[in-house]
Protein backbone atom coordinates (compact mmCIF):
# COMPACT_ATOMS: atom_id res chain seq x y z
CA MET A 1 0.00 0.33 0.22
CA LEU A 2 1.34 3.40 -0.95
CA GLY A 3 1.47 5.86 2.12
CA ILE A 4 1.63 9.50 1.40
CA ILE A 5 3.21 12.12 3.89
CA GLY A 6 2.21 15.94 3.38
CA GLY A 7 4.15 18.67 4.42
CA THR A 8 3.53 21.95 4.10
CA GLY A 9 0.79 23.16 2.26
CA LEU A 10 -0.39 19.62 1.88
CA THR A 11 -2.94 18.78 4.97
CA GLN A 12 -5.07 17.48 3.19
CA LEU A 13 -5.89 15.47 -0.30
CA ALA A 14 -8.49 17.17 -2.31
CA ASN A 15 -8.32 14.15 -4.64
CA LEU A 16 -8.74 11.79 -1.74
CA GLU A 17 -12.14 9.66 -1.16
CA ILE A 18 -11.64 8.98 2.29
CA THR A 19 -12.99 5.99 4.04
CA HIS A 20 -12.28 6.68 7.97
CA ARG A 21 -9.52 7.84 10.17
CA LYS A 22 -7.99 6.11 12.69
CA VAL A 23 -5.83 7.50 15.75
CA ALA A 24 -2.64 5.25 15.70
CA ARG A 25 -0.34 4.38 18.95
CA THR A 26 3.08 3.49 18.36
CA PRO A 27 6.26 1.96 20.70
CA TYR A 28 7.59 5.97 19.99
CA GLY A 29 5.05 7.59 20.99
CA GLU A 30 1.99 9.09 19.26
CA PRO A 31 2.32 10.16 15.01
CA SER A 32 1.66 14.03 13.84
CA GLY A 33 -2.20 13.19 13.55
CA ALA A 34 -4.37 10.21 12.65
CA LEU A 35 -4.04 8.15 9.64
CA THR A 36 -6.52 8.86 6.70
CA PHE A 37 -7.61 5.97 5.37
CA GLY A 38 -9.15 6.46 1.44
CA ARG A 39 -8.75 5.82 -2.38
CA ILE A 40 -7.34 7.64 -5.29
CA CYS A 41 -8.52 6.07 -8.29
CA ASP A 42 -9.94 3.39 -6.64
CA ARG A 43 -6.65 2.49 -4.96
CA GLU A 44 -6.10 2.46 -1.57
CA VAL A 45 -3.72 4.83 0.19
CA ILE A 46 -3.54 6.31 3.58
CA PHE A 47 -2.30 10.12 4.11
CA LEU A 48 -0.36 11.74 7.42
CA ALA A 49 0.08 15.02 7.59
CA ARG A 50 3.72 15.64 8.92
CA HIS A 51 3.43 18.85 10.70
CA GLY A 52 -0.57 18.09 12.11
CA TYR A 53 -3.70 18.53 10.51
CA GLY A 54 -4.05 22.20 11.45
CA HIS A 55 -0.19 22.65 11.15
CA THR A 56 1.05 22.98 14.65
CA ILE A 57 4.11 20.91 14.75
CA PRO A 58 7.28 22.47 13.95
CA PRO A 59 9.80 20.38 11.85
CA HIS A 60 11.97 19.46 14.72
CA ALA A 61 9.38 18.32 16.89
CA VAL A 62 8.11 16.21 14.36
CA ASN A 63 8.00 12.48 15.59
CA TYR A 64 9.40 10.85 12.67
CA ARG A 65 9.85 7.50 14.17
CA ALA A 66 6.48 7.08 15.24
CA ASN A 67 4.97 8.29 11.74
CA LEU A 68 7.00 6.04 9.79
CA TRP A 69 6.19 3.15 12.15
CA ALA A 70 2.56 3.92 12.30
CA LEU A 71 2.15 3.84 8.70
CA ARG A 72 4.26 0.40 8.37
CA GLU A 73 2.28 -1.28 10.93
CA HIS A 74 -1.13 -0.22 8.82
CA GLY A 75 0.07 -1.88 5.89
CA VAL A 76 2.54 1.08 3.98
CA ASP A 77 5.12 -0.87 2.13
CA ARG A 78 5.89 2.45 -0.05
CA VAL A 79 5.96 5.92 0.63
CA VAL A 80 6.06 9.29 -0.98
CA SER A 81 7.32 12.32 1.17
CA VAL A 82 6.04 15.78 0.11
CA ALA A 83 8.06 18.76 1.57
CA THR A 84 8.45 22.13 0.42
CA VAL A 85 11.83 23.57 -0.13
CA GLY A 86 13.97 26.69 -0.89
CA GLY A 87 15.89 26.57 -4.46
CA ILE A 88 19.43 26.61 -4.23
CA HIS A 89 20.48 25.62 -7.68
CA PRO A 90 19.82 27.96 -10.52
CA GLU A 91 17.46 25.47 -12.20
CA LEU A 92 15.14 25.58 -9.13
CA LEU A 93 12.64 28.32 -9.50
CA PRO A 94 9.96 28.79 -7.20
CA GLY A 95 7.08 26.45 -8.81
CA THR A 96 9.50 23.48 -9.35
CA LEU A 97 8.50 19.84 -8.55
CA VAL A 98 12.08 18.08 -8.12
CA VAL A 99 12.60 14.40 -6.97
CA PRO A 100 16.36 14.76 -5.23
CA ASP A 101 18.44 11.70 -5.27
CA GLN A 102 20.51 12.75 -2.53
CA VAL A 103 20.58 14.32 0.98
CA ILE A 104 22.97 15.94 3.29
CA ASP A 105 22.39 15.76 6.81
CA TYR A 106 22.95 19.38 8.92
CA THR A 107 19.87 18.60 11.87
CA HIS A 108 21.15 17.54 15.22
CA SER A 109 18.91 16.34 18.10
CA ARG A 110 16.28 14.53 16.69
CA GLU A 111 15.80 10.71 17.20
CA SER A 112 17.24 9.15 14.05
CA THR A 113 17.20 5.65 14.64
CA TYR A 114 14.81 2.62 15.69
CA PHE A 115 17.72 0.83 16.83
CA VAL A 116 18.55 2.26 20.14
CA GLY A 117 18.75 0.95 23.87
CA ASN A 118 20.85 -1.45 25.51
CA ASP A 119 18.63 -4.54 24.14
CA LYS A 120 19.38 -3.52 20.75
CA PRO A 121 22.89 -4.11 18.66
CA VAL A 122 24.52 -1.35 16.97
CA VAL A 123 23.06 -1.29 12.85
CA HIS A 124 25.08 0.09 10.14
CA LEU A 125 22.88 0.17 7.40
CA ASP A 126 24.17 1.30 3.82
CA PHE A 127 22.84 4.83 2.75
CA THR A 128 24.75 5.43 -0.12
CA PHE A 129 21.36 6.11 -2.20
CA PRO A 130 19.05 7.22 0.15
CA TYR A 131 16.19 7.39 -2.34
CA CYS A 132 14.52 4.28 -3.57
CA ARG A 133 15.02 3.88 -6.84
CA ALA A 134 11.88 2.10 -7.58
CA MET A 135 9.76 4.71 -6.10
CA ARG A 136 11.73 8.08 -7.92
CA GLU A 137 11.43 6.08 -11.25
CA ALA A 138 7.33 5.92 -10.92
CA LEU A 139 7.05 9.28 -9.73
CA LEU A 140 9.59 10.52 -13.07
CA GLN A 141 7.15 8.54 -14.94
CA ALA A 142 3.97 9.82 -13.74
CA ALA A 143 5.06 13.53 -14.10
CA THR A 144 5.73 12.30 -17.89
CA ARG A 145 2.56 10.69 -18.39
CA SER A 146 0.61 13.75 -16.59
CA GLY A 147 2.70 16.45 -18.63
CA ILE A 148 3.96 17.86 -15.33
CA ARG A 149 7.34 19.32 -15.38
CA LEU A 150 9.45 17.11 -12.32
CA ARG A 151 13.20 17.81 -12.44
CA ASP A 152 15.22 14.89 -12.06
CA GLY A 153 17.70 14.71 -9.31
CA GLY A 154 19.46 16.90 -6.77
CA VAL A 155 20.64 17.20 -3.21
CA TYR A 156 18.44 18.11 -0.71
CA GLY A 157 20.08 19.93 2.39
CA ALA A 158 17.99 19.27 5.27
CA VAL A 159 18.40 22.00 8.03
CA GLN A 160 17.41 21.99 11.54
CA GLY A 161 14.57 24.81 11.46
CA PRO A 162 12.52 26.25 12.51
CA ARG A 163 14.13 29.69 11.46
CA LEU A 164 14.88 30.10 7.80
CA GLU A 165 18.61 30.29 7.05
CA THR A 166 20.88 33.09 6.65
CA ALA A 167 22.40 33.97 3.23
CA ALA A 168 25.81 32.83 4.11
CA GLU A 169 24.38 29.27 5.37
CA ILE A 170 23.11 29.19 2.23
CA ASN A 171 26.51 29.76 0.84
CA ARG A 172 27.85 27.12 2.93
CA ILE A 173 25.25 24.58 1.76
CA GLU A 174 25.78 25.34 -1.86
CA ARG A 175 29.59 24.90 -1.50
CA ASP A 176 28.48 21.59 0.13
CA GLY A 177 26.99 20.53 -2.87
CA ALA A 178 23.43 20.66 -1.95
CA ASP A 179 20.77 22.20 -4.52
CA MET A 180 17.93 22.68 -2.30
CA VAL A 181 17.25 23.51 1.35
CA GLY A 182 14.26 21.84 3.41
CA MET A 183 13.69 20.73 7.21
CA THR A 184 11.93 17.53 6.96
CA GLY A 185 14.07 15.44 4.93
CA MET A 186 15.63 13.74 7.78
CA PRO A 187 16.03 11.74 9.64
CA GLU A 188 12.70 10.66 7.79
CA ALA A 189 14.31 8.73 4.78
CA TYR A 190 16.73 7.06 6.91
CA LEU A 191 14.27 5.71 9.10
CA ALA A 192 12.31 4.39 6.27
CA ARG A 193 15.59 2.58 4.92
CA GLU A 194 15.67 1.06 8.69
CA LEU A 195 11.63 -0.10 8.21
CA GLU A 196 12.76 -1.33 4.43
CA LEU A 197 10.09 0.90 2.99
CA CYS A 198 10.06 2.15 -0.37
CA TYR A 199 10.74 5.65 0.31
CA ALA A 200 10.84 8.84 -2.29
CA ALA A 201 10.68 12.61 -1.81
CA VAL A 202 8.93 15.47 -3.96
CA GLY A 203 10.12 18.36 -3.49
CA ALA A 204 8.41 21.77 -4.00
CA VAL A 205 10.16 24.77 -4.64
CA VAL A 206 8.11 27.57 -3.05
CA ASN A 207 10.73 30.22 -2.32
CA TYR A 208 14.29 31.08 -3.84
CA ALA A 209 16.98 30.09 -0.60
CA ALA A 210 18.09 32.81 1.62
CA GLY A 211 20.19 35.56 -0.52
CA ARG A 212 19.49 34.19 -4.12
CA GLY A 213 17.22 35.64 -6.39
CA ALA A 214 13.89 37.40 -5.44
CA SER A 215 15.56 36.56 -2.03
CA SER A 216 18.35 38.58 -2.34
CA ASN A 217 17.37 40.75 0.07
CA GLY A 218 14.73 38.86 2.39
CA ILE A 219 12.45 36.24 1.76
CA GLN A 220 8.81 37.37 1.94
CA MET A 221 6.28 34.84 3.33
CA GLU A 222 3.34 36.63 0.90
CA GLU A 223 5.21 35.28 -2.19
CA ILE A 224 5.60 31.76 -0.61
CA GLN A 225 2.13 31.36 -0.40
CA SER A 226 1.02 32.93 -4.03
CA VAL A 227 3.31 29.97 -5.22
CA LEU A 228 2.11 27.18 -2.68
CA GLY A 229 -1.32 26.91 -3.89
CA GLU A 230 -0.39 26.15 -7.62
CA VAL A 231 2.46 24.05 -6.90
CA MET A 232 0.65 21.72 -4.49
CA ARG A 233 -2.12 21.43 -6.91
CA GLN A 234 0.68 20.19 -9.49
CA VAL A 235 1.57 17.81 -6.48
CA ARG A 236 -1.58 16.52 -6.31
CA HIS A 237 -2.27 16.00 -10.17
CA LEU A 238 1.18 13.99 -9.85
CA LEU A 239 -0.09 11.74 -7.10
CA GLU A 240 -3.16 11.14 -8.83
CA GLN A 241 -1.33 10.09 -11.99
CA LEU A 242 1.17 7.62 -10.00
CA VAL A 243 -1.89 5.91 -8.16
CA THR A 244 -3.36 5.40 -11.71
CA ASP A 245 -0.27 4.00 -13.22
CA GLU A 246 -0.17 1.59 -10.22
CA ALA A 247 -3.74 0.33 -10.73
CA ALA A 248 -2.71 0.07 -14.67
CA ALA A 249 0.15 -2.32 -13.72
CA CYS A 250 -1.70 -4.17 -11.53
CA ALA A 251 -4.51 -4.94 -13.85
CA ALA A 252 -1.96 -5.81 -16.67
CA PRO A 253 -2.30 -9.83 -17.49
C-alpha cells in the first residue's frame, strides 16, 4: 500500500476519497495526527500530515519515528514524502517540482534511529543512495504521463529549522553541494530505510533560498503563499497519476 506524507501546504488531499481515520499508537509515541485512509482512483492509500492537520508541529518536533512506524504497521510498504523547499540551484525556480536523489543532513538532536537501547545491537545500514530507485522512477514516469515538469535529481540539504537560513548558511550549503534546502528530509529518509520502506521525496520549490534571486534582500512569506497553492495542485495531480499507474500495472495480464 502507498503512504503519502504531506508537508507544508498539503495537510489534506482534495482528490482523496476518505473512508475513515484512525488514531495510531506506536512504541515511539503518537504520530503527527490520525492516519487518513482512503482511495485515489480506486486504489487504497494512507495519508498523514507531517506537521499535524492544523500545521502546528514544527519540523524539529515532528515525531518521525512514530509517523513511519504507524504507516508500516497499517500496511504501507511504499512512501511518497512531499515537502516544500527553497531553491538554491539556478534551475530550481519557485513553482518547480523536483525528485531529489541525494541528501546532506544538517539536523541535530532528532531521534534518528529505531536501533536504540542497551538491548539492541548496533546497526549500520548502507545509505549511499538514500531514496528508493523504484519509487523515484515511478514518480518520474507519472510526471511524464501527466505532463508535469519534474526535475530528476538534486541534493536536498536538510536543516534543523524552524527558522529560515541566513544568506551565509545558504552559501555554505551550496558549497557543500546542495541544490535545495528544507527542514524535514532527515531523519525521515533514513528511518524509512531502517523499516525497509520504499521511500522517495517530492520537493516543491516555493521560494528562492536566502540571498538568492527574489530572496536576495530577504524571504517574503506572502510570495511563498502565492506559489504554494499552484505547486500543490501539481503535486495532487502527480500523486493521482502515480496511483493510476500503479492500478494499471496491477491490472495488466
